[in-house]
């Protein structure tokens, strides 16, 4: 596991930040695209044990594959 300059693990710092900024009026709302970045954030939020709602969000950056005849 990679360590930060202060000796803590990167994922533990991420989990602490997620727990620190939980919205006062409810839960996190994640725009989930199904990509690797979304998978990491979803995993971190689950591990942090905070309330969240993940919604699928199509990312226009993703390439569309069109087959031409």
PDB file of N, CA and C in Angstrom:
ATOM      1  N   UNK A   1       0.859  -1.183   0.000  1.00  0.00           N
ATOM      2  CA  UNK A   1       0.000   0.000   0.000  1.00  0.00           C
ATOM      3  C   UNK A   1       0.896   1.234   0.000  1.00  0.00           C
ATOM      4  N   UNK A   2       0.548   2.217  -0.782  1.00  0.00           N
ATOM      5  CA  UNK A   2       1.317   3.454  -0.856  1.00  0.00           C
ATOM      6  C   UNK A   2       1.029   4.335   0.352  1.00  0.00           C
ATOM      7  N   UNK A   3       2.076   4.955   0.865  1.00  0.00           N
ATOM      8  CA  UNK A   3       1.934   5.834   2.014  1.00  0.00           C
ATOM      9  C   UNK A   3       2.098   7.289   1.603  1.00  0.00           C
ATOM     10  N   UNK A   4       1.344   8.131   2.263  1.00  0.00           N
ATOM     11  CA  UNK A   4       1.453   9.564   2.071  1.00  0.00           C
ATOM     12  C   UNK A   4       2.694  10.048   2.808  1.00  0.00           C
ATOM     13  N   UNK A   5       3.107  11.267   2.567  1.00  0.00           N
ATOM     14  CA  UNK A   5       4.314  11.818   3.187  1.00  0.00           C
ATOM     15  C   UNK A   5       4.228  11.810   4.725  1.00  0.00           C
ATOM     16  N   UNK A   6       3.006  11.891   5.281  1.00  0.00           N
ATOM     17  CA  UNK A   6       2.865  11.874   6.739  1.00  0.00           C
ATOM     18  C   UNK A   6       2.756  10.463   7.310  1.00  0.00           C
ATOM     19  N   UNK A   7       2.891   9.444   6.460  1.00  0.00           N
ATOM     20  CA  UNK A   7       2.890   8.056   6.915  1.00  0.00           C
ATOM     21  C   UNK A   7       1.536   7.370   6.888  1.00  0.00           C
ATOM     22  N   UNK A   8       0.478   8.105   6.569  1.00  0.00           N
ATOM     23  CA  UNK A   8      -0.842   7.486   6.496  1.00  0.00           C
ATOM     24  C   UNK A   8      -1.057   6.891   5.107  1.00  0.00           C
ATOM     25  N   UNK A   9      -1.983   5.958   5.035  1.00  0.00           N
ATOM     26  CA  UNK A   9      -2.282   5.332   3.752  1.00  0.00           C
ATOM     27  C   UNK A   9      -3.206   6.247   2.944  1.00  0.00           C
ATOM     28  N   UNK A  10      -3.001   6.230   1.618  1.00  0.00           N
ATOM     29  CA  UNK A  10      -3.796   7.087   0.735  1.00  0.00           C
ATOM     30  C   UNK A  10      -5.294   6.831   0.886  1.00  0.00           C
ATOM     31  N   UNK A  11      -5.692   5.565   0.936  1.00  0.00           N
ATOM     32  CA  UNK A  11      -7.122   5.289   1.012  1.00  0.00           C
ATOM     33  C   UNK A  11      -7.717   5.743   2.338  1.00  0.00           C
ATOM     34  N   UNK A  12      -6.956   5.672   3.421  1.00  0.00           N
ATOM     35  CA  UNK A  12      -7.470   6.133   4.719  1.00  0.00           C
ATOM     36  C   UNK A  12      -7.693   7.643   4.706  1.00  0.00           C
ATOM     37  N   UNK A  13      -6.831   8.381   4.029  1.00  0.00           N
ATOM     38  CA  UNK A  13      -7.042   9.828   3.906  1.00  0.00           C
ATOM     39  C   UNK A  13      -8.302  10.123   3.096  1.00  0.00           C
ATOM     40  N   UNK A  14      -8.515   9.345   2.047  1.00  0.00           N
ATOM     41  CA  UNK A  14      -9.718   9.526   1.225  1.00  0.00           C
ATOM     42  C   UNK A  14     -10.974   9.226   2.021  1.00  0.00           C
ATOM     43  N   UNK A  15     -10.954   8.151   2.784  1.00  0.00           N
ATOM     44  CA  UNK A  15     -12.114   7.775   3.599  1.00  0.00           C
ATOM     45  C   UNK A  15     -12.409   8.846   4.644  1.00  0.00           C
ATOM     46  N   UNK A  16     -11.370   9.395   5.265  1.00  0.00           N
ATOM     47  CA  UNK A  16     -11.563  10.453   6.266  1.00  0.00           C
ATOM     48  C   UNK A  16     -12.183  11.693   5.634  1.00  0.00           C
ATOM     49  N   UNK A  17     -11.737  12.057   4.431  1.00  0.00           N
ATOM     50  CA  UNK A  17     -12.295  13.219   3.744  1.00  0.00           C
ATOM     51  C   UNK A  17     -13.758  12.994   3.382  1.00  0.00           C
ATOM     52  N   UNK A  18     -14.083  11.800   2.917  1.00  0.00           N
ATOM     53  CA  UNK A  18     -15.478  11.486   2.567  1.00  0.00           C
ATOM     54  C   UNK A  18     -16.361  11.575   3.803  1.00  0.00           C
ATOM     55  N   UNK A  19     -15.894  11.057   4.917  1.00  0.00           N
ATOM     56  CA  UNK A  19     -16.675  11.099   6.169  1.00  0.00           C
ATOM     57  C   UNK A  19     -16.827  12.533   6.678  1.00  0.00           C
ATOM     58  N   UNK A  20     -15.810  13.348   6.451  1.00  0.00           N
ATOM     59  CA  UNK A  20     -15.810  14.728   6.953  1.00  0.00           C
ATOM     60  C   UNK A  20     -16.825  15.606   6.225  1.00  0.00           C
ATOM     61  N   UNK A  21     -17.049  15.342   4.949  1.00  0.00           N
ATOM     62  CA  UNK A  21     -17.891  16.220   4.132  1.00  0.00           C
ATOM     63  C   UNK A  21     -19.259  15.624   3.788  1.00  0.00           C
ATOM     64  N   UNK A  22     -19.780  14.769   4.640  1.00  0.00           N
ATOM     65  CA  UNK A  22     -21.123  14.227   4.398  1.00  0.00           C
ATOM     66  C   UNK A  22     -22.122  15.386   4.411  1.00  0.00           C
ATOM     67  N   UNK A  23     -22.987  15.484   3.413  1.00  0.00           N
ATOM     68  CA  UNK A  23     -23.971  16.567   3.394  1.00  0.00           C
ATOM     69  C   UNK A  23     -24.851  16.545   4.644  1.00  0.00           C
ATOM     70  N   UNK A  24     -25.067  17.704   5.213  1.00  0.00           N
ATOM     71  CA  UNK A  24     -25.859  17.795   6.450  1.00  0.00           C
ATOM     72  C   UNK A  24     -27.306  17.385   6.242  1.00  0.00           C
ATOM     73  N   UNK A  25     -27.814  17.617   5.063  1.00  0.00           N
ATOM     74  CA  UNK A  25     -29.233  17.382   4.811  1.00  0.00           C
ATOM     75  C   UNK A  25     -29.525  16.051   4.132  1.00  0.00           C
ATOM     76  N   UNK A  26     -28.622  15.107   4.229  1.00  0.00           N
ATOM     77  CA  UNK A  26     -28.955  13.822   3.607  1.00  0.00           C
ATOM     78  C   UNK A  26     -27.775  12.964   3.262  1.00  0.00           C
ATOM     79  N   UNK A  27     -27.618  12.744   1.970  1.00  0.00           N
ATOM     80  CA  UNK A  27     -26.649  11.771   1.514  1.00  0.00           C
ATOM     81  C   UNK A  27     -25.883  12.294   0.303  1.00  0.00           C
ATOM     82  N   UNK A  28     -24.776  11.646   0.030  1.00  0.00           N
ATOM     83  CA  UNK A  28     -24.041  11.939  -1.191  1.00  0.00           C
ATOM     84  C   UNK A  28     -24.861  11.447  -2.378  1.00  0.00           C
ATOM     85  N   UNK A  29     -24.775  12.157  -3.481  1.00  0.00           N
ATOM     86  CA  UNK A  29     -25.370  11.680  -4.723  1.00  0.00           C
ATOM     87  C   UNK A  29     -24.236  11.508  -5.726  1.00  0.00           C
ATOM     88  N   UNK A  30     -23.994  10.266  -6.117  1.00  0.00           N
ATOM     89  CA  UNK A  30     -22.903   9.958  -7.025  1.00  0.00           C
ATOM     90  C   UNK A  30     -23.423   9.840  -8.444  1.00  0.00           C
ATOM     91  N   UNK A  31     -22.757  10.509  -9.356  1.00  0.00           N
ATOM     92  CA  UNK A  31     -23.059  10.368 -10.779  1.00  0.00           C
ATOM     93  C   UNK A  31     -22.159   9.251 -11.288  1.00  0.00           C
ATOM     94  N   UNK A  32     -22.710   8.073 -11.414  1.00  0.00           N
ATOM     95  CA  UNK A  32     -21.945   6.867 -11.743  1.00  0.00           C
ATOM     96  C   UNK A  32     -22.007   6.587 -13.234  1.00  0.00           C
ATOM     97  N   UNK A  33     -20.823   6.520 -13.882  1.00  0.00           N
ATOM     98  CA  UNK A  33     -20.793   6.284 -15.323  1.00  0.00           C
ATOM     99  C   UNK A  33     -20.397   4.849 -15.675  1.00  0.00           C
ATOM    100  N   UNK A  34     -19.954   4.082 -14.695  1.00  0.00           N
ATOM    101  CA  UNK A  34     -19.537   2.711 -14.959  1.00  0.00           C
ATOM    102  C   UNK A  34     -18.065   2.592 -15.309  1.00  0.00           C
ATOM    103  N   UNK A  35     -17.353   3.709 -15.334  1.00  0.00           N
ATOM    104  CA  UNK A  35     -15.928   3.694 -15.653  1.00  0.00           C
ATOM    105  C   UNK A  35     -15.066   3.414 -14.434  1.00  0.00           C
ATOM    106  N   UNK A  36     -13.766   3.345 -14.655  1.00  0.00           N
ATOM    107  CA  UNK A  36     -12.849   2.997 -13.561  1.00  0.00           C
ATOM    108  C   UNK A  36     -12.838   4.058 -12.466  1.00  0.00           C
ATOM    109  N   UNK A  37     -12.935   5.320 -12.816  1.00  0.00           N
ATOM    110  CA  UNK A  37     -12.958   6.378 -11.797  1.00  0.00           C
ATOM    111  C   UNK A  37     -14.223   6.287 -10.946  1.00  0.00           C
ATOM    112  N   UNK A  38     -15.352   6.047 -11.594  1.00  0.00           N
ATOM    113  CA  UNK A  38     -16.604   5.889 -10.857  1.00  0.00           C
ATOM    114  C   UNK A  38     -16.556   4.676  -9.941  1.00  0.00           C
ATOM    115  N   UNK A  39     -15.939   3.594 -10.408  1.00  0.00           N
ATOM    116  CA  UNK A  39     -15.816   2.392  -9.577  1.00  0.00           C
ATOM    117  C   UNK A  39     -15.007   2.670  -8.311  1.00  0.00           C
ATOM    118  N   UNK A  40     -13.940   3.440  -8.441  1.00  0.00           N
ATOM    119  CA  UNK A  40     -13.106   3.765  -7.274  1.00  0.00           C
ATOM    120  C   UNK A  40     -13.892   4.600  -6.275  1.00  0.00           C
ATOM    121  N   UNK A  41     -14.579   5.637  -6.753  1.00  0.00           N
ATOM    122  CA  UNK A  41     -15.358   6.487  -5.851  1.00  0.00           C
ATOM    123  C   UNK A  41     -16.473   5.693  -5.182  1.00  0.00           C
ATOM    124  N   UNK A  42     -17.151   4.845  -5.931  1.00  0.00           N
ATOM    125  CA  UNK A  42     -18.207   4.025  -5.358  1.00  0.00           C
ATOM    126  C   UNK A  42     -17.654   3.111  -4.268  1.00  0.00           C
ATOM    127  N   UNK A  43     -16.512   2.495  -4.509  1.00  0.00           N
ATOM    128  CA  UNK A  43     -15.887   1.632  -3.502  1.00  0.00           C
ATOM    129  C   UNK A  43     -15.513   2.427  -2.250  1.00  0.00           C
ATOM    130  N   UNK A  44     -14.938   3.603  -2.430  1.00  0.00           N
ATOM    131  CA  UNK A  44     -14.550   4.415  -1.275  1.00  0.00           C
ATOM    132  C   UNK A  44     -15.760   4.843  -0.446  1.00  0.00           C
ATOM    133  N   UNK A  45     -16.834   5.237  -1.107  1.00  0.00           N
ATOM    134  CA  UNK A  45     -18.029   5.668  -0.380  1.00  0.00           C
ATOM    135  C   UNK A  45     -18.638   4.496   0.394  1.00  0.00           C
ATOM    136  N   UNK A  46     -18.649   3.323  -0.214  1.00  0.00           N
ATOM    137  CA  UNK A  46     -19.151   2.136   0.494  1.00  0.00           C
ATOM    138  C   UNK A  46     -18.295   1.840   1.712  1.00  0.00           C
ATOM    139  N   UNK A  47     -16.966   1.894   1.543  1.00  0.00           N
ATOM    140  CA  UNK A  47     -16.052   1.607   2.644  1.00  0.00           C
ATOM    141  C   UNK A  47     -16.122   2.662   3.744  1.00  0.00           C
ATOM    142  N   UNK A  48     -16.458   3.900   3.375  1.00  0.00           N
ATOM    143  CA  UNK A  48     -16.563   4.977   4.360  1.00  0.00           C
ATOM    144  C   UNK A  48     -17.802   4.824   5.234  1.00  0.00           C
ATOM    145  N   UNK A  49     -18.794   4.070   4.745  1.00  0.00           N
ATOM    146  CA  UNK A  49     -20.003   3.830   5.534  1.00  0.00           C
ATOM    147  C   UNK A  49     -20.913   5.041   5.636  1.00  0.00           C
ATOM    148  N   UNK A  50     -20.896   5.899   4.637  1.00  0.00           N
ATOM    149  CA  UNK A  50     -21.746   7.089   4.645  1.00  0.00           C
ATOM    150  C   UNK A  50     -22.968   6.849   3.765  1.00  0.00           C
ATOM    151  N   UNK A  51     -24.057   7.590   4.030  1.00  0.00           N
ATOM    152  CA  UNK A  51     -25.236   7.423   3.182  1.00  0.00           C
ATOM    153  C   UNK A  51     -24.976   7.995   1.783  1.00  0.00           C
ATOM    154  N   UNK A  52     -25.422   7.243   0.764  1.00  0.00           N
ATOM    155  CA  UNK A  52     -25.230   7.713  -0.607  1.00  0.00           C
ATOM    156  C   UNK A  52     -26.285   7.127  -1.520  1.00  0.00           C
ATOM    157  N   UNK A  53     -26.453   7.784  -2.644  1.00  0.00           N
ATOM    158  CA  UNK A  53     -27.336   7.320  -3.709  1.00  0.00           C
ATOM    159  C   UNK A  53     -26.533   7.407  -4.992  1.00  0.00           C
ATOM    160  N   UNK A  54     -26.341   6.295  -5.654  1.00  0.00           N
ATOM    161  CA  UNK A  54     -25.593   6.279  -6.914  1.00  0.00           C
ATOM    162  C   UNK A  54     -26.584   6.236  -8.070  1.00  0.00           C
ATOM    163  N   UNK A  55     -26.443   7.172  -8.962  1.00  0.00           N
ATOM    164  CA  UNK A  55     -27.295   7.234 -10.150  1.00  0.00           C
ATOM    165  C   UNK A  55     -26.411   7.095 -11.378  1.00  0.00           C
ATOM    166  N   UNK A  56     -26.892   6.336 -12.326  1.00  0.00           N
ATOM    167  CA  UNK A  56     -26.144   6.197 -13.566  1.00  0.00           C
ATOM    168  C   UNK A  56     -26.185   7.515 -14.317  1.00  0.00           C
ATOM    169  N   UNK A  57     -25.044   7.948 -14.784  1.00  0.00           N
ATOM    170  CA  UNK A  57     -24.941   9.190 -15.538  1.00  0.00           C
ATOM    171  C   UNK A  57     -24.090   8.929 -16.771  1.00  0.00           C
ATOM    172  N   UNK A  58     -24.678   9.032 -17.940  1.00  0.00           N
ATOM    173  CA  UNK A  58     -23.942   8.833 -19.181  1.00  0.00           C
ATOM    174  C   UNK A  58     -22.904   9.927 -19.323  1.00  0.00           C
ATOM    175  N   UNK A  59     -21.681   9.546 -19.588  1.00  0.00           N
ATOM    176  CA  UNK A  59     -20.606  10.512 -19.780  1.00  0.00           C
ATOM    177  C   UNK A  59     -20.424  10.777 -21.272  1.00  0.00           C
ATOM    178  N   UNK A  60     -20.614  12.021 -21.714  1.00  0.00           N
ATOM    179  CA  UNK A  60     -20.474  12.322 -23.151  1.00  0.00           C
ATOM    180  C   UNK A  60     -19.024  12.219 -23.630  1.00  0.00           C
ATOM    181  N   UNK A  61     -18.088  12.081 -22.716  1.00  0.00           N
ATOM    182  CA  UNK A  61     -16.684  11.959 -23.100  1.00  0.00           C
ATOM    183  C   UNK A  61     -16.404  10.559 -23.640  1.00  0.00           C
ATOM    184  N   UNK A  62     -17.166   9.582 -23.175  1.00  0.00           N
ATOM    185  CA  UNK A  62     -16.960   8.218 -23.629  1.00  0.00           C
ATOM    186  C   UNK A  62     -17.222   8.116 -25.127  1.00  0.00           C
ATOM    187  N   UNK A  63     -16.378   7.415 -25.833  1.00  0.00           N
ATOM    188  CA  UNK A  63     -16.572   7.304 -27.276  1.00  0.00           C
ATOM    189  C   UNK A  63     -17.778   6.428 -27.623  1.00  0.00           C
ATOM    190  N   UNK A  64     -18.460   6.809 -28.649  1.00  0.00           N
ATOM    191  CA  UNK A  64     -19.553   6.005 -29.159  1.00  0.00           C
ATOM    192  C   UNK A  64     -19.029   5.227 -30.361  1.00  0.00           C
ATOM    193  N   UNK A  65     -19.247   3.952 -30.339  1.00  0.00           N
ATOM    194  CA  UNK A  65     -18.758   3.120 -31.435  1.00  0.00           C
ATOM    195  C   UNK A  65     -19.879   2.950 -32.435  1.00  0.00           C
ATOM    196  N   UNK A  66     -19.644   3.457 -33.625  1.00  0.00           N
ATOM    197  CA  UNK A  66     -20.624   3.359 -34.703  1.00  0.00           C
ATOM    198  C   UNK A  66     -20.004   2.519 -35.803  1.00  0.00           C
ATOM    199  N   UNK A  67     -20.719   1.463 -36.139  1.00  0.00           N
ATOM    200  CA  UNK A  67     -20.216   0.568 -37.185  1.00  0.00           C
ATOM    201  C   UNK A  67     -20.697   1.088 -38.533  1.00  0.00           C
ATOM    202  N   UNK A  68     -19.767   1.251 -39.447  1.00  0.00           N
ATOM    203  CA  UNK A  68     -20.138   1.728 -40.776  1.00  0.00           C
ATOM    204  C   UNK A  68     -20.102   0.546 -41.748  1.00  0.00           C
ATOM    205  N   UNK A  69     -21.026   0.575 -42.676  1.00  0.00           N
ATOM    206  CA  UNK A  69     -21.109  -0.501 -43.671  1.00  0.00           C
ATOM    207  C   UNK A  69     -20.088  -0.354 -44.754  1.00  0.00           C
TER     208      UNK A  69
END
